[in-house]
Amino acid sequence: GEILNRAARIDCYGTGQTSHFMAQDLHARLFRLGAATTVFTDVYLQLVAAAALGPQDAVVAISYVGRLPT
């Protein structure tokens, strides 16, 4: 909780049907609380977004199954 409270930006990542929904829901909740947040549900966009993060930013990665679709 404290890391998210201090984060300048919070990225929410989720890949797959359930993880996608959970990441979108977390993003909406954080946004309503006034956090600077974005959500990415495509693995390639997640990689690009993660490369742009700084030490003051945070990521919440949600994986229901634990692997990428093949």
PDB file of N, CA and C in Angstrom:
ATOM      1  N   GLY A   1       0.780  -1.188   0.000  1.00  0.00           N
ATOM      2  CA  GLY A   1       0.000   0.000   0.000  1.00  0.00           C
ATOM      3  C   GLY A   1       0.832   1.268   0.000  1.00  0.00           C
ATOM      4  N   GLU A   2       1.898   1.285   0.786  1.00  0.00           N
ATOM      5  CA  GLU A   2       2.721   2.490   0.902  1.00  0.00           C
ATOM      6  C   GLU A   2       3.432   2.812  -0.412  1.00  0.00           C
ATOM      7  N   ILE A   3       3.873   1.789  -1.126  1.00  0.00           N
ATOM      8  CA  ILE A   3       4.541   2.016  -2.412  1.00  0.00           C
ATOM      9  C   ILE A   3       3.585   2.686  -3.387  1.00  0.00           C
ATOM     10  N   LEU A   4       2.353   2.200  -3.440  1.00  0.00           N
ATOM     11  CA  LEU A   4       1.361   2.795  -4.341  1.00  0.00           C
ATOM     12  C   LEU A   4       0.999   4.206  -3.897  1.00  0.00           C
ATOM     13  N   ASN A   5       0.953   4.453  -2.602  1.00  0.00           N
ATOM     14  CA  ASN A   5       0.640   5.798  -2.101  1.00  0.00           C
ATOM     15  C   ASN A   5       1.689   6.819  -2.519  1.00  0.00           C
ATOM     16  N   ARG A   6       2.943   6.402  -2.605  1.00  0.00           N
ATOM     17  CA  ARG A   6       4.033   7.326  -2.938  1.00  0.00           C
ATOM     18  C   ARG A   6       4.366   7.365  -4.424  1.00  0.00           C
ATOM     19  N   ALA A   7       3.798   6.463  -5.212  1.00  0.00           N
ATOM     20  CA  ALA A   7       4.156   6.358  -6.625  1.00  0.00           C
ATOM     21  C   ALA A   7       3.691   7.582  -7.415  1.00  0.00           C
ATOM     22  N   ALA A   8       4.556   8.046  -8.307  1.00  0.00           N
ATOM     23  CA  ALA A   8       4.189   9.147  -9.201  1.00  0.00           C
ATOM     24  C   ALA A   8       3.256   8.645 -10.296  1.00  0.00           C
ATOM     25  N   ARG A   9       3.466   7.407 -10.716  1.00  0.00           N
ATOM     26  CA  ARG A   9       2.637   6.787 -11.759  1.00  0.00           C
ATOM     27  C   ARG A   9       2.484   5.314 -11.418  1.00  0.00           C
ATOM     28  N   ILE A  10       1.303   4.785 -11.616  1.00  0.00           N
ATOM     29  CA  ILE A  10       1.041   3.371 -11.359  1.00  0.00           C
ATOM     30  C   ILE A  10       0.539   2.740 -12.646  1.00  0.00           C
ATOM     31  N   ASP A  11       1.275   1.752 -13.133  1.00  0.00           N
ATOM     32  CA  ASP A  11       0.843   0.987 -14.298  1.00  0.00           C
ATOM     33  C   ASP A  11       0.187  -0.295 -13.817  1.00  0.00           C
ATOM     34  N   CYS A  12      -0.941  -0.639 -14.422  1.00  0.00           N
ATOM     35  CA  CYS A  12      -1.643  -1.883 -14.129  1.00  0.00           C
ATOM     36  C   CYS A  12      -1.531  -2.775 -15.353  1.00  0.00           C
ATOM     37  N   TYR A  13      -0.950  -3.974 -15.192  1.00  0.00           N
ATOM     38  CA  TYR A  13      -0.761  -4.902 -16.299  1.00  0.00           C
ATOM     39  C   TYR A  13      -1.584  -6.154 -16.052  1.00  0.00           C
ATOM     40  N   GLY A  14      -2.245  -6.621 -17.089  1.00  0.00           N
ATOM     41  CA  GLY A  14      -2.979  -7.870 -17.027  1.00  0.00           C
ATOM     42  C   GLY A  14      -3.108  -8.452 -18.412  1.00  0.00           C
ATOM     43  N   THR A  15      -2.805  -9.735 -18.562  1.00  0.00           N
ATOM     44  CA  THR A  15      -2.902 -10.402 -19.852  1.00  0.00           C
ATOM     45  C   THR A  15      -3.778 -11.633 -19.697  1.00  0.00           C
ATOM     46  N   GLY A  16      -4.714 -11.791 -20.579  1.00  0.00           N
ATOM     47  CA  GLY A  16      -5.677 -12.882 -20.470  1.00  0.00           C
ATOM     48  C   GLY A  16      -7.015 -12.330 -20.009  1.00  0.00           C
ATOM     49  N   GLN A  17      -8.065 -13.090 -20.205  1.00  0.00           N
ATOM     50  CA  GLN A  17      -9.417 -12.584 -19.964  1.00  0.00           C
ATOM     51  C   GLN A  17      -9.631 -12.126 -18.521  1.00  0.00           C
ATOM     52  N   THR A  18      -9.332 -12.963 -17.552  1.00  0.00           N
ATOM     53  CA  THR A  18      -9.558 -12.600 -16.152  1.00  0.00           C
ATOM     54  C   THR A  18      -8.584 -11.525 -15.697  1.00  0.00           C
ATOM     55  N   SER A  19      -7.315 -11.684 -16.033  1.00  0.00           N
ATOM     56  CA  SER A  19      -6.297 -10.701 -15.639  1.00  0.00           C
ATOM     57  C   SER A  19      -6.569  -9.345 -16.279  1.00  0.00           C
ATOM     58  N   HIS A  20      -7.031  -9.355 -17.521  1.00  0.00           N
ATOM     59  CA  HIS A  20      -7.399  -8.132 -18.234  1.00  0.00           C
ATOM     60  C   HIS A  20      -8.480  -7.379 -17.451  1.00  0.00           C
ATOM     61  N   PHE A  21      -9.530  -8.100 -17.061  1.00  0.00           N
ATOM     62  CA  PHE A  21     -10.621  -7.490 -16.311  1.00  0.00           C
ATOM     63  C   PHE A  21     -10.136  -6.941 -14.974  1.00  0.00           C
ATOM     64  N   MET A  22      -9.331  -7.704 -14.268  1.00  0.00           N
ATOM     65  CA  MET A  22      -8.855  -7.276 -12.947  1.00  0.00           C
ATOM     66  C   MET A  22      -7.954  -6.042 -13.051  1.00  0.00           C
ATOM     67  N   ALA A  23      -7.096  -5.983 -14.078  1.00  0.00           N
ATOM     68  CA  ALA A  23      -6.230  -4.815 -14.279  1.00  0.00           C
ATOM     69  C   ALA A  23      -7.062  -3.577 -14.609  1.00  0.00           C
ATOM     70  N   GLN A  24      -8.085  -3.738 -15.452  1.00  0.00           N
ATOM     71  CA  GLN A  24      -8.968  -2.623 -15.796  1.00  0.00           C
ATOM     72  C   GLN A  24      -9.710  -2.119 -14.555  1.00  0.00           C
ATOM     73  N   ASP A  25     -10.177  -3.045 -13.725  1.00  0.00           N
ATOM     74  CA  ASP A  25     -10.897  -2.678 -12.508  1.00  0.00           C
ATOM     75  C   ASP A  25      -9.986  -1.937 -11.534  1.00  0.00           C
ATOM     76  N   LEU A  26      -8.767  -2.445 -11.334  1.00  0.00           N
ATOM     77  CA  LEU A  26      -7.819  -1.761 -10.441  1.00  0.00           C
ATOM     78  C   LEU A  26      -7.514  -0.361 -10.951  1.00  0.00           C
ATOM     79  N   HIS A  27      -7.276  -0.247 -12.245  1.00  0.00           N
ATOM     80  CA  HIS A  27      -7.012   1.064 -12.849  1.00  0.00           C
ATOM     81  C   HIS A  27      -8.152   2.044 -12.557  1.00  0.00           C
ATOM     82  N   ALA A  28      -9.386   1.606 -12.754  1.00  0.00           N
ATOM     83  CA  ALA A  28     -10.542   2.475 -12.515  1.00  0.00           C
ATOM     84  C   ALA A  28     -10.623   2.905 -11.053  1.00  0.00           C
ATOM     85  N   ARG A  29     -10.352   1.981 -10.154  1.00  0.00           N
ATOM     86  CA  ARG A  29     -10.414   2.304  -8.720  1.00  0.00           C
ATOM     87  C   ARG A  29      -9.316   3.283  -8.313  1.00  0.00           C
ATOM     88  N   LEU A  30      -8.110   3.062  -8.806  1.00  0.00           N
ATOM     89  CA  LEU A  30      -7.005   3.974  -8.494  1.00  0.00           C
ATOM     90  C   LEU A  30      -7.252   5.360  -9.088  1.00  0.00           C
ATOM     91  N   PHE A  31      -7.772   5.377 -10.309  1.00  0.00           N
ATOM     92  CA  PHE A  31      -8.088   6.641 -10.977  1.00  0.00           C
ATOM     93  C   PHE A  31      -9.108   7.441 -10.169  1.00  0.00           C
ATOM     94  N   ARG A  32     -10.133   6.758  -9.650  1.00  0.00           N
ATOM     95  CA  ARG A  32     -11.158   7.427  -8.838  1.00  0.00           C
ATOM     96  C   ARG A  32     -10.573   7.993  -7.547  1.00  0.00           C
ATOM     97  N   LEU A  33      -9.482   7.402  -7.072  1.00  0.00           N
ATOM     98  CA  LEU A  33      -8.815   7.904  -5.863  1.00  0.00           C
ATOM     99  C   LEU A  33      -7.831   9.031  -6.171  1.00  0.00           C
ATOM    100  N   GLY A  34      -7.687   9.363  -7.449  1.00  0.00           N
ATOM    101  CA  GLY A  34      -6.823  10.474  -7.835  1.00  0.00           C
ATOM    102  C   GLY A  34      -5.413  10.086  -8.223  1.00  0.00           C
ATOM    103  N   ALA A  35      -5.149   8.802  -8.371  1.00  0.00           N
ATOM    104  CA  ALA A  35      -3.806   8.356  -8.740  1.00  0.00           C
ATOM    105  C   ALA A  35      -3.572   8.542 -10.233  1.00  0.00           C
ATOM    106  N   ALA A  36      -2.331   8.827 -10.587  1.00  0.00           N
ATOM    107  CA  ALA A  36      -1.922   8.870 -11.993  1.00  0.00           C
ATOM    108  C   ALA A  36      -1.676   7.425 -12.413  1.00  0.00           C
ATOM    109  N   THR A  37      -2.616   6.862 -13.143  1.00  0.00           N
ATOM    110  CA  THR A  37      -2.551   5.438 -13.455  1.00  0.00           C
ATOM    111  C   THR A  37      -2.883   5.169 -14.913  1.00  0.00           C
ATOM    112  N   THR A  38      -2.285   4.111 -15.427  1.00  0.00           N
ATOM    113  CA  THR A  38      -2.584   3.643 -16.772  1.00  0.00           C
ATOM    114  C   THR A  38      -2.750   2.128 -16.702  1.00  0.00           C
ATOM    115  N   VAL A  39      -3.404   1.574 -17.717  1.00  0.00           N
ATOM    116  CA  VAL A  39      -3.595   0.132 -17.779  1.00  0.00           C
ATOM    117  C   VAL A  39      -3.162  -0.363 -19.154  1.00  0.00           C
ATOM    118  N   PHE A  40      -2.441  -1.487 -19.155  1.00  0.00           N
ATOM    119  CA  PHE A  40      -1.997  -2.107 -20.401  1.00  0.00           C
ATOM    120  C   PHE A  40      -2.342  -3.580 -20.330  1.00  0.00           C
ATOM    121  N   THR A  41      -3.049  -4.062 -21.347  1.00  0.00           N
ATOM    122  CA  THR A  41      -3.441  -5.466 -21.370  1.00  0.00           C
ATOM    123  C   THR A  41      -2.790  -6.228 -22.525  1.00  0.00           C
ATOM    124  N   ASP A  42      -1.936  -5.562 -23.261  1.00  0.00           N
ATOM    125  CA  ASP A  42      -1.181  -6.191 -24.340  1.00  0.00           C
ATOM    126  C   ASP A  42       0.257  -6.362 -23.868  1.00  0.00           C
ATOM    127  N   VAL A  43       0.800  -7.563 -23.972  1.00  0.00           N
ATOM    128  CA  VAL A  43       2.128  -7.850 -23.430  1.00  0.00           C
ATOM    129  C   VAL A  43       3.214  -6.979 -24.058  1.00  0.00           C
ATOM    130  N   TYR A  44       3.098  -6.659 -25.314  1.00  0.00           N
ATOM    131  CA  TYR A  44       4.124  -5.851 -25.976  1.00  0.00           C
ATOM    132  C   TYR A  44       4.057  -4.400 -25.511  1.00  0.00           C
ATOM    133  N   LEU A  45       2.856  -3.874 -25.325  1.00  0.00           N
ATOM    134  CA  LEU A  45       2.727  -2.523 -24.778  1.00  0.00           C
ATOM    135  C   LEU A  45       3.188  -2.477 -23.316  1.00  0.00           C
ATOM    136  N   GLN A  46       2.990  -3.561 -22.593  1.00  0.00           N
ATOM    137  CA  GLN A  46       3.487  -3.634 -21.219  1.00  0.00           C
ATOM    138  C   GLN A  46       5.008  -3.497 -21.185  1.00  0.00           C
ATOM    139  N   LEU A  47       5.686  -4.159 -22.113  1.00  0.00           N
ATOM    140  CA  LEU A  47       7.149  -4.072 -22.183  1.00  0.00           C
ATOM    141  C   LEU A  47       7.605  -2.653 -22.498  1.00  0.00           C
ATOM    142  N   VAL A  48       6.931  -2.008 -23.441  1.00  0.00           N
ATOM    143  CA  VAL A  48       7.279  -0.630 -23.814  1.00  0.00           C
ATOM    144  C   VAL A  48       7.024   0.312 -22.641  1.00  0.00           C
ATOM    145  N   ALA A  49       5.874   0.160 -21.981  1.00  0.00           N
ATOM    146  CA  ALA A  49       5.539   1.019 -20.847  1.00  0.00           C
ATOM    147  C   ALA A  49       6.503   0.809 -19.690  1.00  0.00           C
ATOM    148  N   ALA A  50       6.859  -0.431 -19.416  1.00  0.00           N
ATOM    149  CA  ALA A  50       7.780  -0.720 -18.314  1.00  0.00           C
ATOM    150  C   ALA A  50       9.143  -0.088 -18.547  1.00  0.00           C
ATOM    151  N   ALA A  51       9.570  -0.032 -19.805  1.00  0.00           N
ATOM    152  CA  ALA A  51      10.866   0.571 -20.122  1.00  0.00           C
ATOM    153  C   ALA A  51      10.879   2.069 -19.852  1.00  0.00           C
ATOM    154  N   ALA A  52       9.698   2.684 -19.821  1.00  0.00           N
ATOM    155  CA  ALA A  52       9.602   4.131 -19.600  1.00  0.00           C
ATOM    156  C   ALA A  52       9.412   4.491 -18.119  1.00  0.00           C
ATOM    157  N   LEU A  53       9.298   3.501 -17.252  1.00  0.00           N
ATOM    158  CA  LEU A  53       9.086   3.773 -15.826  1.00  0.00           C
ATOM    159  C   LEU A  53      10.375   4.242 -15.158  1.00  0.00           C
ATOM    160  N   GLY A  54      10.196   5.051 -14.135  1.00  0.00           N
ATOM    161  CA  GLY A  54      11.330   5.524 -13.351  1.00  0.00           C
ATOM    162  C   GLY A  54      11.268   4.969 -11.936  1.00  0.00           C
ATOM    163  N   PRO A  55      12.234   5.324 -11.112  1.00  0.00           N
ATOM    164  CA  PRO A  55      12.287   4.793  -9.741  1.00  0.00           C
ATOM    165  C   PRO A  55      11.136   5.257  -8.858  1.00  0.00           C
ATOM    166  N   GLN A  56      10.447   6.298  -9.249  1.00  0.00           N
ATOM    167  CA  GLN A  56       9.327   6.814  -8.462  1.00  0.00           C
ATOM    168  C   GLN A  56       7.992   6.190  -8.878  1.00  0.00           C
ATOM    169  N   ASP A  57       8.010   5.312  -9.882  1.00  0.00           N
ATOM    170  CA  ASP A  57       6.799   4.699 -10.419  1.00  0.00           C
ATOM    171  C   ASP A  57       6.606   3.281  -9.877  1.00  0.00           C
ATOM    172  N   ALA A  58       5.401   2.737 -10.069  1.00  0.00           N
ATOM    173  CA  ALA A  58       5.093   1.391  -9.592  1.00  0.00           C
ATOM    174  C   ALA A  58       4.297   0.627 -10.640  1.00  0.00           C
ATOM    175  N   VAL A  59       4.383  -0.691 -10.565  1.00  0.00           N
ATOM    176  CA  VAL A  59       3.634  -1.585 -11.450  1.00  0.00           C
ATOM    177  C   VAL A  59       2.875  -2.585 -10.593  1.00  0.00           C
ATOM    178  N   VAL A  60       1.627  -2.833 -10.974  1.00  0.00           N
ATOM    179  CA  VAL A  60       0.865  -3.949 -10.418  1.00  0.00           C
ATOM    180  C   VAL A  60       0.592  -4.879 -11.591  1.00  0.00           C
ATOM    181  N   ALA A  61       1.234  -6.036 -11.578  1.00  0.00           N
ATOM    182  CA  ALA A  61       1.077  -7.016 -12.651  1.00  0.00           C
ATOM    183  C   ALA A  61       0.181  -8.143 -12.142  1.00  0.00           C
ATOM    184  N   ILE A  62      -0.899  -8.398 -12.865  1.00  0.00           N
ATOM    185  CA  ILE A  62      -1.878  -9.398 -12.451  1.00  0.00           C
ATOM    186  C   ILE A  62      -1.813 -10.572 -13.419  1.00  0.00           C
ATOM    187  N   SER A  63      -1.632 -11.766 -12.871  1.00  0.00           N
ATOM    188  CA  SER A  63      -1.594 -12.972 -13.683  1.00  0.00           C
ATOM    189  C   SER A  63      -2.438 -14.036 -13.010  1.00  0.00           C
ATOM    190  N   TYR A  64      -3.578 -14.348 -13.585  1.00  0.00           N
ATOM    191  CA  TYR A  64      -4.465 -15.355 -13.028  1.00  0.00           C
ATOM    192  C   TYR A  64      -3.946 -16.763 -13.310  1.00  0.00           C
ATOM    193  N   VAL A  65      -3.471 -16.986 -14.532  1.00  0.00           N
ATOM    194  CA  VAL A  65      -2.997 -18.312 -14.924  1.00  0.00           C
ATOM    195  C   VAL A  65      -1.505 -18.467 -14.662  1.00  0.00           C
ATOM    196  N   GLY A  66      -0.739 -17.393 -14.870  1.00  0.00           N
ATOM    197  CA  GLY A  66       0.692 -17.453 -14.622  1.00  0.00           C
ATOM    198  C   GLY A  66       1.535 -17.680 -15.863  1.00  0.00           C
ATOM    199  N   ARG A  67       0.907 -17.667 -17.031  1.00  0.00           N
ATOM    200  CA  ARG A  67       1.661 -17.808 -18.270  1.00  0.00           C
ATOM    201  C   ARG A  67       0.967 -17.032 -19.379  1.00  0.00           C
ATOM    202  N   LEU A  68       1.717 -16.726 -20.415  1.00  0.00           N
ATOM    203  CA  LEU A  68       1.162 -16.022 -21.561  1.00  0.00           C
ATOM    204  C   LEU A  68       0.438 -16.999 -22.472  1.00  0.00           C
ATOM    205  N   PRO A  69      -0.599 -16.512 -23.176  1.00  0.00           N
ATOM    206  CA  PRO A  69      -1.276 -17.391 -24.136  1.00  0.00           C
ATOM    207  C   PRO A  69      -0.336 -17.781 -25.263  1.00  0.00           C
ATOM    208  N   THR A  70      -0.509 -18.972 -25.788  1.00  0.00           N
ATOM    209  CA  THR A  70       0.379 -19.425 -26.880  1.00  0.00           C
ATOM    210  C   THR A  70      -0.342 -19.436 -28.198  1.00  0.00           C
TER     211      THR A  70
END
